[in-house]
Amino acid sequence: MRVLPLLFVLALTGCQSAYYAAAEQVGYHKREILVDRVEDAQESQQEAQEQFSSALEQMKTLINFDGGDLEAAYDKVKGEYEDSADAAADVSSRINAVADVAEAMFDEWEDELAQYQSASLRRDSESQLRDTRRRYDAMLRAMRQAEDKMEPVLKRLKDNELYLKHNLNARAIGAVGKEFGVLEQEVERVIAEMNRAIAESDKFIQTLNP
């Protein structure tokens, strides 16, 4: 099997160490993989922001429901919740992929320090490692904080969907409407955290690609 098809198979099966080894055979090093995965995580966060905003807008539409097919309106709310759950899962998966390759890169970097003959070059590399690790930790922390903020939004969306499922009437819509302000605040918080994480990601990528 050629290397490129092998990379695809290993990526699908989750054999990360073998994937990195095969990738290096074609000149695709961990640093480059890390940058690509950070950019993928940024994209997934942007998509999640759009999805949460869409779910919020659909809930607002239902709360302001003024005639028509109430069942169809509920189905849209349910669909927005399911899409939001999928978007959140993708964000978590992308962040985990970032963490996986970053740890592999840092471990390799640490191990290779012992191979230096020049003490000054080794010290310089150690300094770069510490600085890169510090910036990475700040980025990952921001990503995880944004990830944590998704859970309250998903729980509230699910609560609303379940309540409407079993009580699809004007009274139920009114009850959900009373909690809309809290949902709106939670969506605003998660979007703000994701924007902060994306900004930290941009700064980290700049340190890898000066």
Protein backbone atom coordinates (compact mmCIF):
# COMPACT_ATOMS: atom_id res chain seq x y z
CA MET A 1 0.00 0.00 0.00
CA ARG A 2 1.34 3.44 -0.92
CA VAL A 3 1.89 6.02 1.85
CA LEU A 4 -0.94 8.44 1.00
CA PRO A 5 -3.68 5.76 1.01
CA LEU A 6 -2.11 4.42 4.19
CA LEU A 7 -2.39 7.87 5.81
CA PHE A 8 -6.09 7.95 4.99
CA VAL A 9 -6.69 4.51 6.48
CA LEU A 10 -4.71 5.26 9.63
CA ALA A 11 -6.55 8.56 10.12
CA LEU A 12 -9.89 6.75 9.90
CA THR A 13 -8.91 3.94 12.25
CA GLY A 14 -7.39 6.26 14.85
CA CYS A 15 -3.90 4.69 14.79
CA GLN A 16 -2.29 8.02 15.59
CA SER A 17 1.31 6.96 16.26
CA ALA A 18 1.39 4.96 13.04
CA TYR A 19 -0.29 7.87 11.23
CA TYR A 20 2.40 10.31 12.36
CA ALA A 21 5.16 7.91 11.32
CA ALA A 22 3.62 7.40 7.89
CA ALA A 23 3.00 11.14 7.50
CA GLU A 24 6.65 11.92 8.17
CA GLN A 25 7.63 9.58 5.35
CA VAL A 26 6.01 12.03 2.93
CA GLY A 27 7.35 15.13 4.70
CA TYR A 28 4.19 15.92 6.65
CA HIS A 29 5.55 16.57 10.13
CA LYS A 30 3.76 16.88 13.47
CA ARG A 31 4.12 20.67 13.50
CA GLU A 32 2.28 20.90 10.17
CA ILE A 33 -0.35 18.40 11.33
CA LEU A 34 -0.85 20.47 14.49
CA VAL A 35 -1.39 23.67 12.51
CA ASP A 36 -3.90 21.90 10.26
CA ARG A 37 -5.77 20.50 13.24
CA VAL A 38 -5.87 23.83 15.05
CA GLU A 39 -7.36 25.37 11.90
CA ASP A 40 -9.88 22.52 11.74
CA ALA A 41 -10.81 23.20 15.38
CA GLN A 42 -11.28 26.89 14.58
CA GLU A 43 -13.56 26.01 11.69
CA SER A 44 -15.64 23.64 13.83
CA GLN A 45 -16.04 26.35 16.50
CA GLN A 46 -17.19 28.85 13.90
CA GLU A 47 -19.71 26.34 12.58
CA ALA A 48 -20.92 25.61 16.11
CA GLN A 49 -21.44 29.33 16.73
CA GLU A 50 -23.60 29.54 13.63
CA GLN A 51 -25.54 26.45 14.66
CA PHE A 52 -26.22 27.64 18.20
CA SER A 53 -27.37 30.99 16.83
CA SER A 54 -29.66 29.17 14.40
CA ALA A 55 -31.13 27.06 17.22
CA LEU A 56 -31.73 30.20 19.26
CA GLU A 57 -33.45 31.90 16.34
CA GLN A 58 -35.66 28.88 15.75
CA MET A 59 -36.66 28.82 19.42
CA LYS A 60 -37.50 32.51 19.20
CA THR A 61 -39.66 31.83 16.15
CA LEU A 62 -41.56 29.15 18.03
CA ILE A 63 -42.08 31.38 21.07
CA ASN A 64 -43.56 34.03 18.76
CA PHE A 65 -45.68 31.39 17.00
CA ASP A 66 -48.80 32.94 15.51
CA GLY A 67 -50.80 30.29 13.73
CA GLY A 68 -49.85 27.54 11.31
CA ASP A 69 -48.58 24.03 11.81
CA LEU A 70 -47.37 23.80 15.41
CA GLU A 71 -46.06 20.26 14.92
CA ALA A 72 -43.89 21.41 12.03
CA ALA A 73 -42.53 24.24 14.16
CA TYR A 74 -41.65 21.76 16.92
CA ASP A 75 -39.91 19.49 14.40
CA LYS A 76 -37.66 22.40 13.43
CA VAL A 77 -36.78 23.01 17.08
CA LYS A 78 -35.95 19.33 17.49
CA GLY A 79 -33.82 19.36 14.35
CA GLU A 80 -31.91 22.42 15.55
CA TYR A 81 -31.15 20.68 18.86
CA GLU A 82 -29.87 17.58 17.08
CA ASP A 83 -27.71 19.68 14.73
CA SER A 84 -26.36 21.59 17.73
CA ALA A 85 -25.45 18.35 19.51
CA ASP A 86 -23.63 17.17 16.38
CA ALA A 87 -21.79 20.48 16.09
CA ALA A 88 -20.71 20.32 19.74
CA ALA A 89 -19.48 16.75 19.31
CA ASP A 90 -17.43 17.83 16.29
CA VAL A 91 -15.84 20.67 18.30
CA SER A 92 -14.85 18.23 21.05
CA SER A 93 -13.46 15.75 18.52
CA ARG A 94 -11.38 18.46 16.83
CA ILE A 95 -9.99 19.70 20.16
CA ASN A 96 -9.05 16.15 21.14
CA ALA A 97 -7.26 15.74 17.81
CA VAL A 98 -5.29 18.93 18.49
CA ALA A 99 -4.30 17.69 21.94
CA ASP A 100 -3.22 14.31 20.59
CA VAL A 101 -0.78 15.60 17.99
CA ALA A 102 0.47 18.39 20.27
CA GLU A 103 1.45 15.93 23.00
CA ALA A 104 3.18 13.73 20.42
CA MET A 105 5.08 16.72 19.08
CA PHE A 106 6.15 17.93 22.52
CA ASP A 107 7.23 14.44 23.59
CA GLU A 108 9.35 14.07 20.47
CA TRP A 109 10.83 17.55 20.94
CA GLU A 110 11.72 16.75 24.56
CA ASP A 111 13.31 13.42 23.64
CA GLU A 112 15.40 14.96 20.87
CA LEU A 113 16.98 17.53 23.17
CA ALA A 114 19.35 14.80 24.35
CA GLN A 115 20.68 14.41 20.80
CA TYR A 116 22.30 17.86 20.70
CA GLN A 117 26.07 18.09 20.88
CA SER A 118 26.00 21.88 21.16
CA ALA A 119 24.99 23.07 24.63
CA SER A 120 23.98 26.52 23.36
CA LEU A 121 21.73 25.10 20.64
CA ARG A 122 20.17 22.73 23.14
CA ARG A 123 19.44 25.60 25.55
CA ASP A 124 17.90 27.62 22.75
CA SER A 125 15.73 24.69 21.71
CA GLU A 126 14.67 24.13 25.32
CA SER A 127 13.66 27.79 25.55
CA GLN A 128 11.65 27.53 22.35
CA LEU A 129 9.98 24.37 23.65
CA ARG A 130 8.95 26.06 26.90
CA ASP A 131 7.60 29.10 25.06
CA THR A 132 5.70 27.01 22.52
CA ARG A 133 4.28 24.82 25.29
CA ARG A 134 3.17 27.88 27.27
CA ARG A 135 1.36 29.35 24.27
CA TYR A 136 -0.17 25.98 23.46
CA ASP A 137 -1.44 25.56 27.02
CA ALA A 138 -3.13 28.98 26.84
CA MET A 139 -4.79 28.03 23.55
CA LEU A 140 -5.94 24.61 24.75
CA ARG A 141 -7.29 26.10 27.97
CA ALA A 142 -9.35 28.58 25.95
CA MET A 143 -10.61 25.78 23.72
CA ARG A 144 -11.63 23.63 26.69
CA GLN A 145 -13.39 26.55 28.38
CA ALA A 146 -15.39 27.16 25.21
CA GLU A 147 -16.13 23.44 25.04
CA ASP A 148 -17.43 23.48 28.63
CA LYS A 149 -19.76 26.39 27.82
CA MET A 150 -21.53 24.30 25.17
CA GLU A 151 -22.96 21.84 27.70
CA PRO A 152 -25.41 24.26 29.42
CA VAL A 153 -26.72 25.34 26.00
CA LEU A 154 -27.26 21.76 24.87
CA LYS A 155 -28.99 20.84 28.14
CA ARG A 156 -31.35 23.80 27.93
CA LEU A 157 -32.13 23.11 24.26
CA LYS A 158 -32.84 19.48 25.15
CA ASP A 159 -35.05 20.47 28.08
CA ASN A 160 -37.06 22.75 25.82
CA GLU A 161 -37.36 20.10 23.13
CA LEU A 162 -38.54 17.45 25.62
CA TYR A 163 -41.03 19.77 27.29
CA LEU A 164 -42.54 20.79 23.97
CA LYS A 165 -42.64 17.19 22.79
CA HIS A 166 -45.00 16.22 25.61
CA ASN A 167 -46.85 19.54 25.95
CA LEU A 168 -47.18 21.02 22.49
CA ASN A 169 -49.60 23.85 23.20
CA ALA A 170 -49.72 27.58 23.89
CA ARG A 171 -49.12 27.09 27.62
CA ALA A 172 -45.98 25.03 26.98
CA ILE A 173 -44.67 27.60 24.51
CA GLY A 174 -45.24 30.28 27.13
CA ALA A 175 -43.33 28.27 29.74
CA VAL A 176 -40.38 27.80 27.39
CA GLY A 177 -40.55 31.47 26.50
CA LYS A 178 -39.97 32.46 30.12
CA GLU A 179 -36.57 30.73 30.01
CA PHE A 180 -35.59 32.10 26.61
CA GLY A 181 -33.56 34.93 28.14
CA VAL A 182 -31.35 32.47 30.00
CA LEU A 183 -30.79 30.44 26.83
CA GLU A 184 -29.91 33.61 24.96
CA GLN A 185 -27.31 34.54 27.59
CA GLU A 186 -25.78 31.06 27.49
CA VAL A 187 -25.49 31.18 23.70
CA GLU A 188 -23.85 34.60 23.94
CA ARG A 189 -21.36 33.24 26.48
CA VAL A 190 -20.39 30.23 24.39
CA ILE A 191 -19.94 32.40 21.30
CA ALA A 192 -17.73 34.81 23.26
CA GLU A 193 -15.62 31.91 24.62
CA MET A 194 -15.26 30.42 21.14
CA ASN A 195 -14.16 33.77 19.74
CA ARG A 196 -11.56 33.98 22.49
CA ALA A 197 -10.38 30.44 21.71
CA ILE A 198 -10.15 31.25 18.00
CA ALA A 199 -8.07 34.35 18.80
CA GLU A 200 -5.74 32.28 21.00
CA SER A 201 -5.46 29.76 18.17
CA ASP A 202 -4.44 32.47 15.74
CA LYS A 203 -1.70 33.62 18.11
CA PHE A 204 -0.48 30.04 18.57
CA ILE A 205 -0.37 29.37 14.84
CA GLN A 206 1.72 32.50 14.39
CA THR A 207 4.32 31.11 16.81
CA LEU A 208 4.55 27.94 14.72
CA ASN A 209 4.55 29.78 11.38
CA PRO A 210 6.33 33.09 12.09
